[in-house]
Amino acid sequence: MKPNMRRHLPGRFLPREIKEGAWRLSRSGAEPIDVFLQGADPRTAEVLRRNLANQRRATVIEAGIGAESGRASMTGDGAAIGRRVEAGGAGDVELLTVPDVLERAGVAGDAAIDVLKCDVEGAERALFAHCAPWIGRVRTLAVETHDGYTVADVSAATAAAGAPLEVREHVVHAEFGNEVGVLVRPEGAG
C-alpha cells in the first residue's frame, strides 16, 4: 500500500451513514449535485473535469475552502502529505467559504448537505471556528484534521455552533500527524 493511501478512512466499506445518505438522496427524487473543489493544482482540476465530463450535475470549482473568502498559498513539497494551507496575502489559490461554494454551484440556501468531505490541509481550526452559518445543513461529515486539531475538536466546534455532530468513525495516524473521522447528525436532530 502506498504511504499516502493510508491517510484516508479505512477502505473496507463506506461508513453506514455515507451509504444511507446516498440511498436517501437516490430515493428522494431530488437531483443530486456533486461539487468538487480543487484549489492547488490546475492539472488535477483538469483531470477531475475530464473524469466528471459525463456527470450531468457535477461542478468543479478551482478554489479552496476557508473560514473567509480571499487568497491562500499551499506550502510543502507538492506531495499530499505535509502540505498546508496558509490563508491571506496574494496567494495563488482562491479561497471561498462553504456558503460561497454552495452559491457558486447553484445549491439552494436551505438544501441539506448529505455528505461533506473536508480535507483542507491544516485550515480546519479556522474553518470550524466559523461554521455556524452552514454546519446545520450537514448530515454526515468526513474530515481529516492536522496540526494538533482533532476530530473531537471538530465535534466540539459543531456543538458550539449549535449543530452538534457525533463522532462515529475515528482513526489517528500519528505517523502523518493527522486524524480522520466520520461525524453524523444525531437521530432526530435537524
Protein backbone atom coordinates (compact mmCIF):
# COMPACT_ATOMS: atom_id res chain seq x y z
CA MET A 1 0.00 0.00 0.00
CA LYS A 2 1.32 3.43 -0.89
CA PRO A 3 2.02 5.53 2.23
CA ASN A 4 -0.33 8.37 1.26
CA MET A 5 -3.21 5.96 0.75
CA ARG A 6 -3.15 5.21 4.49
CA ARG A 7 -4.24 8.77 5.26
CA HIS A 8 -7.83 8.09 4.32
CA LEU A 9 -10.64 6.27 6.02
CA PRO A 10 -10.22 2.51 6.04
CA GLY A 11 -11.22 1.29 2.59
CA ARG A 12 -13.07 -1.88 3.55
CA PHE A 13 -16.53 -0.34 3.48
CA LEU A 14 -18.08 3.08 3.41
CA PRO A 15 -19.43 4.04 6.82
CA ARG A 16 -23.14 3.29 7.17
CA GLU A 17 -24.02 6.98 7.37
CA ILE A 18 -22.46 7.71 3.97
CA LYS A 19 -24.27 4.76 2.37
CA GLU A 20 -27.56 5.89 3.94
CA GLY A 21 -27.02 9.46 2.73
CA ALA A 22 -26.54 8.25 -0.83
CA TRP A 23 -29.58 5.96 -0.56
CA ARG A 24 -31.74 8.71 0.96
CA LEU A 25 -30.79 11.06 -1.86
CA SER A 26 -31.46 8.47 -4.56
CA ARG A 27 -34.89 7.66 -3.07
CA SER A 28 -35.90 11.28 -2.53
CA GLY A 29 -36.34 12.00 -6.23
CA ALA A 30 -34.09 15.04 -5.82
CA GLU A 31 -31.46 15.65 -8.47
CA PRO A 32 -28.09 15.09 -6.78
CA ILE A 33 -25.49 17.80 -7.12
CA ASP A 34 -21.85 16.92 -6.67
CA VAL A 35 -19.46 19.78 -6.00
CA PHE A 36 -15.73 19.19 -6.25
CA LEU A 37 -13.10 21.72 -5.23
CA GLN A 38 -9.53 21.55 -6.39
CA GLY A 39 -7.51 24.53 -5.36
CA ALA A 40 -3.79 23.97 -5.62
CA ASP A 41 -3.04 22.22 -8.89
CA PRO A 42 -4.71 23.21 -12.18
CA ARG A 43 -3.55 19.91 -13.76
CA THR A 44 -5.51 17.97 -11.15
CA ALA A 45 -8.57 20.13 -11.77
CA GLU A 46 -8.36 19.37 -15.50
CA VAL A 47 -8.15 15.61 -14.83
CA LEU A 48 -11.13 15.94 -12.48
CA ARG A 49 -13.12 17.75 -15.18
CA ARG A 50 -12.35 15.02 -17.72
CA ASN A 51 -13.30 12.30 -15.23
CA LEU A 52 -16.62 14.02 -14.48
CA ALA A 53 -17.46 15.01 -18.06
CA ASN A 54 -20.39 12.57 -18.25
CA GLN A 55 -21.90 13.64 -14.92
CA ARG A 56 -24.86 15.95 -15.53
CA ARG A 57 -24.81 17.76 -12.20
CA ALA A 58 -21.13 17.71 -11.23
CA THR A 59 -19.42 21.06 -10.68
CA VAL A 60 -15.66 21.54 -10.44
CA ILE A 61 -14.60 24.75 -8.74
CA GLU A 62 -10.93 25.68 -8.75
CA ALA A 63 -10.72 27.08 -5.24
CA GLY A 64 -10.03 26.08 -1.68
CA ILE A 65 -12.34 26.27 1.32
CA GLY A 66 -11.63 28.77 4.05
CA ALA A 67 -13.24 30.48 7.01
CA GLU A 68 -13.21 33.69 4.94
CA SER A 69 -13.08 34.37 1.21
CA GLY A 70 -9.72 35.55 -0.05
CA ARG A 71 -6.43 34.07 -1.22
CA ALA A 72 -4.14 31.36 0.15
CA SER A 73 -0.88 29.62 -0.59
CA MET A 74 -0.08 25.94 -0.33
CA THR A 75 3.15 25.14 1.48
CA GLY A 76 5.08 21.90 1.26
CA ASP A 77 6.88 19.98 -1.42
CA GLY A 78 3.88 19.13 -3.59
CA ALA A 79 3.26 15.73 -2.02
CA ALA A 80 -0.13 15.26 -0.40
CA ILE A 81 1.45 14.56 2.98
CA GLY A 82 2.89 17.64 4.63
CA ARG A 83 1.11 20.26 2.54
CA ARG A 84 -0.60 23.08 4.41
CA VAL A 85 -2.87 25.99 3.55
CA GLU A 86 -1.72 29.47 4.58
CA ALA A 87 -4.55 31.98 4.23
CA GLY A 88 -4.01 35.65 3.49
CA GLY A 89 -1.85 37.71 1.24
CA ALA A 90 -1.74 37.35 -2.52
CA GLY A 91 -1.61 33.55 -2.59
CA ASP A 92 -2.07 31.50 -5.72
CA VAL A 93 -5.28 29.76 -4.59
CA GLU A 94 -8.71 31.41 -4.34
CA LEU A 95 -10.43 30.71 -1.01
CA LEU A 96 -14.20 30.51 -0.74
CA THR A 97 -16.43 29.96 2.28
CA VAL A 98 -18.77 26.96 2.29
CA PRO A 99 -21.78 29.23 1.58
CA ASP A 100 -19.82 30.81 -1.33
CA VAL A 101 -19.18 27.37 -2.83
CA LEU A 102 -22.79 26.28 -2.50
CA GLU A 103 -23.99 29.50 -4.10
CA ARG A 104 -21.50 29.19 -6.97
CA ALA A 105 -22.66 25.60 -7.56
CA GLY A 106 -26.32 26.62 -7.57
CA VAL A 107 -27.26 24.78 -4.38
CA ALA A 108 -30.34 26.26 -2.69
CA GLY A 109 -29.70 28.14 0.56
CA ASP A 110 -31.73 25.71 2.64
CA ALA A 111 -30.72 22.44 0.94
CA ALA A 112 -29.26 19.73 3.16
CA ILE A 113 -25.73 18.52 2.54
CA ASP A 114 -25.91 14.74 2.81
CA VAL A 115 -22.14 14.15 2.85
CA LEU A 116 -19.36 16.73 3.14
CA LYS A 117 -15.77 15.53 2.81
CA CYS A 118 -13.36 18.03 4.33
CA ASP A 119 -9.58 17.77 3.84
CA VAL A 120 -8.33 21.36 3.98
CA GLU A 121 -4.67 20.71 4.84
CA GLY A 122 -4.37 22.43 8.19
CA ALA A 123 -7.12 25.04 7.85
CA GLU A 124 -9.66 23.01 9.89
CA ARG A 125 -9.34 25.02 13.10
CA ALA A 126 -10.27 28.30 11.37
CA LEU A 127 -12.95 26.69 9.19
CA PHE A 128 -14.83 25.07 12.07
CA ALA A 129 -14.43 28.11 14.32
CA HIS A 130 -16.66 29.87 11.76
CA CYS A 131 -19.01 27.02 10.77
CA ALA A 132 -22.25 28.31 12.37
CA PRO A 133 -23.73 29.67 9.10
CA TRP A 134 -23.60 26.28 7.34
CA ILE A 135 -22.88 23.33 9.65
CA GLY A 136 -26.56 22.78 10.47
CA ARG A 137 -27.10 21.72 6.84
CA VAL A 138 -24.55 18.88 7.05
CA ARG A 139 -25.87 15.39 7.83
CA THR A 140 -22.57 13.49 7.55
CA LEU A 141 -19.06 14.93 7.70
CA ALA A 142 -15.93 13.01 6.68
CA VAL A 143 -12.98 15.07 7.93
CA GLU A 144 -9.21 14.90 8.07
CA THR A 145 -7.57 17.05 10.74
CA HIS A 146 -3.97 18.25 11.11
CA ASP A 147 -1.52 20.06 13.37
CA GLY A 148 -2.97 19.04 16.72
CA TYR A 149 -6.57 19.89 15.81
CA THR A 150 -8.53 16.70 16.40
CA VAL A 151 -11.73 15.03 15.31
CA ALA A 152 -13.01 15.64 18.86
CA ASP A 153 -12.25 19.35 18.35
CA VAL A 154 -14.40 19.33 15.20
CA SER A 155 -17.24 17.72 17.13
CA ALA A 156 -16.93 20.34 19.88
CA ALA A 157 -16.90 23.16 17.31
CA THR A 158 -20.10 21.88 15.67
CA ALA A 159 -21.78 21.72 19.08
CA ALA A 160 -20.62 25.25 19.90
CA ALA A 161 -22.12 26.37 16.58
CA GLY A 162 -25.49 24.93 17.66
CA ALA A 163 -25.47 21.94 15.28
CA PRO A 164 -23.72 19.05 17.02
CA LEU A 165 -22.25 16.18 15.04
CA GLU A 166 -21.32 12.93 16.80
CA VAL A 167 -18.13 11.00 16.05
CA ARG A 168 -18.92 7.58 14.52
CA GLU A 169 -15.54 6.65 12.99
CA HIS A 170 -12.15 7.86 14.22
CA VAL A 171 -8.63 6.87 13.16
CA VAL A 172 -5.42 8.51 14.39
CA HIS A 173 -2.44 8.45 12.01
CA ALA A 174 0.40 9.50 14.30
CA GLU A 175 2.98 8.84 11.59
CA PHE A 176 1.34 11.50 9.39
CA GLY A 177 0.28 13.86 12.19
CA ASN A 178 -3.39 13.70 11.31
CA GLU A 179 -6.71 12.12 12.21
CA VAL A 180 -9.67 11.12 10.09
CA GLY A 181 -13.21 10.78 11.24
CA VAL A 182 -16.83 10.48 10.23
CA LEU A 183 -19.27 12.61 12.21
CA VAL A 184 -23.05 12.43 11.86
CA ARG A 185 -26.10 14.42 12.89
CA PRO A 186 -27.73 12.63 15.85
CA GLU A 187 -31.06 10.87 15.24
CA GLY A 188 -33.95 13.29 15.45
CA ALA A 189 -31.77 16.41 15.21
CA GLY A 190 -32.39 18.97 12.46
